[in-house]
Amino acid sequence: MTRDELRKLWETPSNWSSLGRYHCEADPRLIVPKRIRFGWTLNWANPLAWPVLVVVIAAVIGFVFFRRFF
């Protein structure tokens, strides 16, 4: 997929929810730039989005647990 095709998918309003979540099955990217603010967001149509979220949350909880008890 070319950059122009990806940009068109990203710019399509129907791929964005009112909460700023990106959901586009045609877009193969897992992480995309946010539309309104600075930063990045997940493409929730990508099958890896939920496992990545679980791993990030587990890492944060593990870090907090480790700092508190060790």
N, C-alpha and C. Protein backbone atom coordinates (compact mmCIF):
# COMPACT_ATOMS: atom_id res chain seq x y z
N MET A 1 0.85 -1.18 0.00
CA MET A 1 0.00 0.00 0.00
C MET A 1 0.90 1.25 0.00
N THR A 2 0.56 2.21 -0.81
CA THR A 2 1.39 3.42 -0.92
C THR A 2 1.07 4.40 0.21
N ARG A 3 1.94 5.36 0.38
CA ARG A 3 1.73 6.38 1.40
C ARG A 3 0.46 7.19 1.14
N ASP A 4 0.20 7.48 -0.13
CA ASP A 4 -1.00 8.23 -0.47
C ASP A 4 -2.27 7.46 -0.12
N GLU A 5 -2.27 6.16 -0.39
CA GLU A 5 -3.43 5.33 -0.03
C GLU A 5 -3.63 5.30 1.48
N LEU A 6 -2.53 5.15 2.23
CA LEU A 6 -2.63 5.14 3.69
C LEU A 6 -3.12 6.49 4.22
N ARG A 7 -2.62 7.57 3.62
CA ARG A 7 -3.06 8.90 4.04
C ARG A 7 -4.55 9.09 3.80
N LYS A 8 -5.04 8.62 2.65
CA LYS A 8 -6.47 8.74 2.35
C LYS A 8 -7.32 7.95 3.34
N LEU A 9 -6.86 6.77 3.70
CA LEU A 9 -7.58 5.98 4.71
C LEU A 9 -7.60 6.71 6.05
N TRP A 10 -6.44 7.27 6.42
CA TRP A 10 -6.32 7.98 7.70
C TRP A 10 -7.20 9.22 7.73
N GLU A 11 -7.34 9.89 6.60
CA GLU A 11 -8.12 11.13 6.53
C GLU A 11 -9.62 10.88 6.42
N THR A 12 -10.05 9.67 6.15
CA THR A 12 -11.47 9.37 6.01
C THR A 12 -12.17 9.48 7.36
N PRO A 13 -13.14 10.38 7.50
CA PRO A 13 -13.80 10.59 8.79
C PRO A 13 -14.52 9.35 9.34
N SER A 14 -15.01 8.49 8.46
CA SER A 14 -15.73 7.30 8.95
C SER A 14 -14.80 6.28 9.63
N ASN A 15 -13.49 6.43 9.47
CA ASN A 15 -12.53 5.54 10.14
C ASN A 15 -12.21 5.99 11.56
N TRP A 16 -12.75 7.13 11.96
CA TRP A 16 -12.47 7.68 13.29
C TRP A 16 -13.77 7.74 14.10
N SER A 17 -13.69 7.36 15.37
CA SER A 17 -14.86 7.47 16.24
C SER A 17 -14.88 8.87 16.87
N SER A 18 -15.97 9.19 17.52
CA SER A 18 -16.07 10.50 18.18
C SER A 18 -15.11 10.59 19.37
N LEU A 19 -14.63 9.45 19.86
CA LEU A 19 -13.67 9.43 20.97
C LEU A 19 -12.23 9.50 20.48
N GLY A 20 -12.03 9.56 19.16
CA GLY A 20 -10.69 9.66 18.61
C GLY A 20 -10.02 8.32 18.39
N ARG A 21 -10.80 7.24 18.35
CA ARG A 21 -10.24 5.92 18.09
C ARG A 21 -10.28 5.63 16.60
N TYR A 22 -9.19 5.07 16.10
CA TYR A 22 -9.05 4.76 14.68
C TYR A 22 -9.40 3.30 14.46
N HIS A 23 -10.27 3.03 13.48
CA HIS A 23 -10.70 1.67 13.18
C HIS A 23 -10.84 1.53 11.67
N CYS A 24 -9.82 0.95 11.03
CA CYS A 24 -9.84 0.79 9.58
C CYS A 24 -9.24 -0.56 9.22
N GLU A 25 -10.08 -1.48 8.76
CA GLU A 25 -9.63 -2.82 8.40
C GLU A 25 -8.71 -2.81 7.17
N ALA A 26 -8.88 -1.84 6.30
CA ALA A 26 -8.05 -1.78 5.09
C ALA A 26 -6.63 -1.28 5.38
N ASP A 27 -6.43 -0.62 6.51
CA ASP A 27 -5.12 -0.08 6.89
C ASP A 27 -4.33 -1.15 7.64
N PRO A 28 -3.19 -1.59 7.11
CA PRO A 28 -2.43 -2.65 7.76
C PRO A 28 -1.60 -2.19 8.97
N ARG A 29 -1.50 -0.90 9.19
CA ARG A 29 -0.66 -0.39 10.28
C ARG A 29 -1.29 -0.68 11.65
N LEU A 30 -0.46 -0.98 12.62
CA LEU A 30 -0.93 -1.19 13.99
C LEU A 30 -1.01 0.14 14.72
N ILE A 31 -0.03 0.99 14.51
CA ILE A 31 0.04 2.28 15.19
C ILE A 31 -0.04 3.39 14.14
N VAL A 32 -0.92 4.36 14.40
CA VAL A 32 -1.11 5.48 13.47
C VAL A 32 -1.04 6.79 14.25
N PRO A 33 -0.69 7.89 13.57
CA PRO A 33 -0.68 9.19 14.26
C PRO A 33 -2.09 9.60 14.67
N LYS A 34 -2.18 10.26 15.81
CA LYS A 34 -3.47 10.77 16.25
C LYS A 34 -3.93 11.87 15.32
N ARG A 35 -5.21 12.10 15.30
CA ARG A 35 -5.77 13.09 14.38
C ARG A 35 -5.86 14.47 15.02
N ILE A 36 -6.20 14.53 16.29
CA ILE A 36 -6.47 15.81 16.93
C ILE A 36 -5.27 16.30 17.75
N ARG A 37 -4.70 15.42 18.54
CA ARG A 37 -3.58 15.81 19.40
C ARG A 37 -2.30 15.19 18.88
N PHE A 38 -1.20 15.54 19.53
CA PHE A 38 0.08 14.93 19.19
C PHE A 38 0.13 13.53 19.74
N GLY A 39 0.87 12.68 19.10
CA GLY A 39 1.07 11.33 19.58
C GLY A 39 0.57 10.28 18.61
N TRP A 40 0.39 9.09 19.13
CA TRP A 40 0.03 7.94 18.32
C TRP A 40 -1.13 7.21 18.96
N THR A 41 -1.84 6.43 18.16
CA THR A 41 -2.94 5.61 18.65
C THR A 41 -2.91 4.28 17.92
N LEU A 42 -3.63 3.32 18.46
CA LEU A 42 -3.71 2.00 17.83
C LEU A 42 -4.80 1.97 16.78
N ASN A 43 -4.60 1.16 15.76
CA ASN A 43 -5.65 0.87 14.79
C ASN A 43 -6.43 -0.31 15.36
N TRP A 44 -7.59 -0.06 15.90
CA TRP A 44 -8.36 -1.08 16.62
C TRP A 44 -8.90 -2.16 15.71
N ALA A 45 -8.81 -2.01 14.40
CA ALA A 45 -9.22 -3.06 13.47
C ALA A 45 -8.10 -4.08 13.26
N ASN A 46 -6.89 -3.73 13.65
CA ASN A 46 -5.76 -4.64 13.52
C ASN A 46 -5.86 -5.72 14.60
N PRO A 47 -5.71 -6.99 14.25
CA PRO A 47 -5.84 -8.07 15.24
C PRO A 47 -4.82 -8.01 16.37
N LEU A 48 -3.72 -7.30 16.19
CA LEU A 48 -2.71 -7.21 17.24
C LEU A 48 -2.96 -6.09 18.24
N ALA A 49 -3.96 -5.26 18.03
CA ALA A 49 -4.20 -4.11 18.89
C ALA A 49 -4.50 -4.53 20.33
N TRP A 50 -5.39 -5.48 20.51
CA TRP A 50 -5.74 -5.91 21.87
C TRP A 50 -4.58 -6.61 22.59
N PRO A 51 -3.87 -7.54 21.94
CA PRO A 51 -2.71 -8.12 22.64
C PRO A 51 -1.66 -7.09 23.02
N VAL A 52 -1.42 -6.11 22.16
CA VAL A 52 -0.45 -5.05 22.49
C VAL A 52 -0.93 -4.27 23.71
N LEU A 53 -2.20 -3.93 23.76
CA LEU A 53 -2.75 -3.22 24.92
C LEU A 53 -2.58 -4.03 26.19
N VAL A 54 -2.86 -5.33 26.14
CA VAL A 54 -2.73 -6.19 27.32
C VAL A 54 -1.27 -6.25 27.78
N VAL A 55 -0.34 -6.36 26.84
CA VAL A 55 1.08 -6.42 27.20
C VAL A 55 1.53 -5.11 27.83
N VAL A 56 1.10 -3.99 27.31
CA VAL A 56 1.49 -2.69 27.88
C VAL A 56 0.94 -2.54 29.30
N ILE A 57 -0.32 -2.90 29.50
CA ILE A 57 -0.92 -2.81 30.83
C ILE A 57 -0.21 -3.75 31.80
N ALA A 58 0.09 -4.98 31.36
CA ALA A 58 0.80 -5.94 32.21
C ALA A 58 2.20 -5.43 32.57
N ALA A 59 2.87 -4.80 31.63
CA ALA A 59 4.20 -4.26 31.90
C ALA A 59 4.13 -3.14 32.94
N VAL A 60 3.15 -2.27 32.83
CA VAL A 60 3.00 -1.18 33.80
C VAL A 60 2.69 -1.75 35.19
N ILE A 61 1.77 -2.69 35.27
CA ILE A 61 1.43 -3.31 36.55
C ILE A 61 2.64 -4.03 37.13
N GLY A 62 3.37 -4.76 36.28
CA GLY A 62 4.58 -5.44 36.74
C GLY A 62 5.62 -4.48 37.26
N PHE A 63 5.81 -3.37 36.57
CA PHE A 63 6.78 -2.37 37.01
C PHE A 63 6.37 -1.78 38.36
N VAL A 64 5.10 -1.44 38.52
CA VAL A 64 4.62 -0.87 39.78
C VAL A 64 4.77 -1.89 40.90
N PHE A 65 4.41 -3.14 40.64
CA PHE A 65 4.54 -4.19 41.65
C PHE A 65 6.00 -4.37 42.05
N PHE A 66 6.89 -4.42 41.06
CA PHE A 66 8.31 -4.61 41.33
C PHE A 66 8.87 -3.46 42.16
N ARG A 67 8.52 -2.23 41.81
CA ARG A 67 9.02 -1.05 42.56
C ARG A 67 8.49 -1.02 43.99
N ARG A 68 7.27 -1.51 44.19
CA ARG A 68 6.66 -1.45 45.52
C ARG A 68 7.22 -2.51 46.46
N PHE A 69 7.49 -3.69 45.96
CA PHE A 69 7.86 -4.80 46.85
C PHE A 69 9.31 -5.23 46.76
N PHE A 70 10.08 -4.67 45.83
CA PHE A 70 11.48 -5.09 45.74
C PHE A 70 12.40 -3.92 45.71
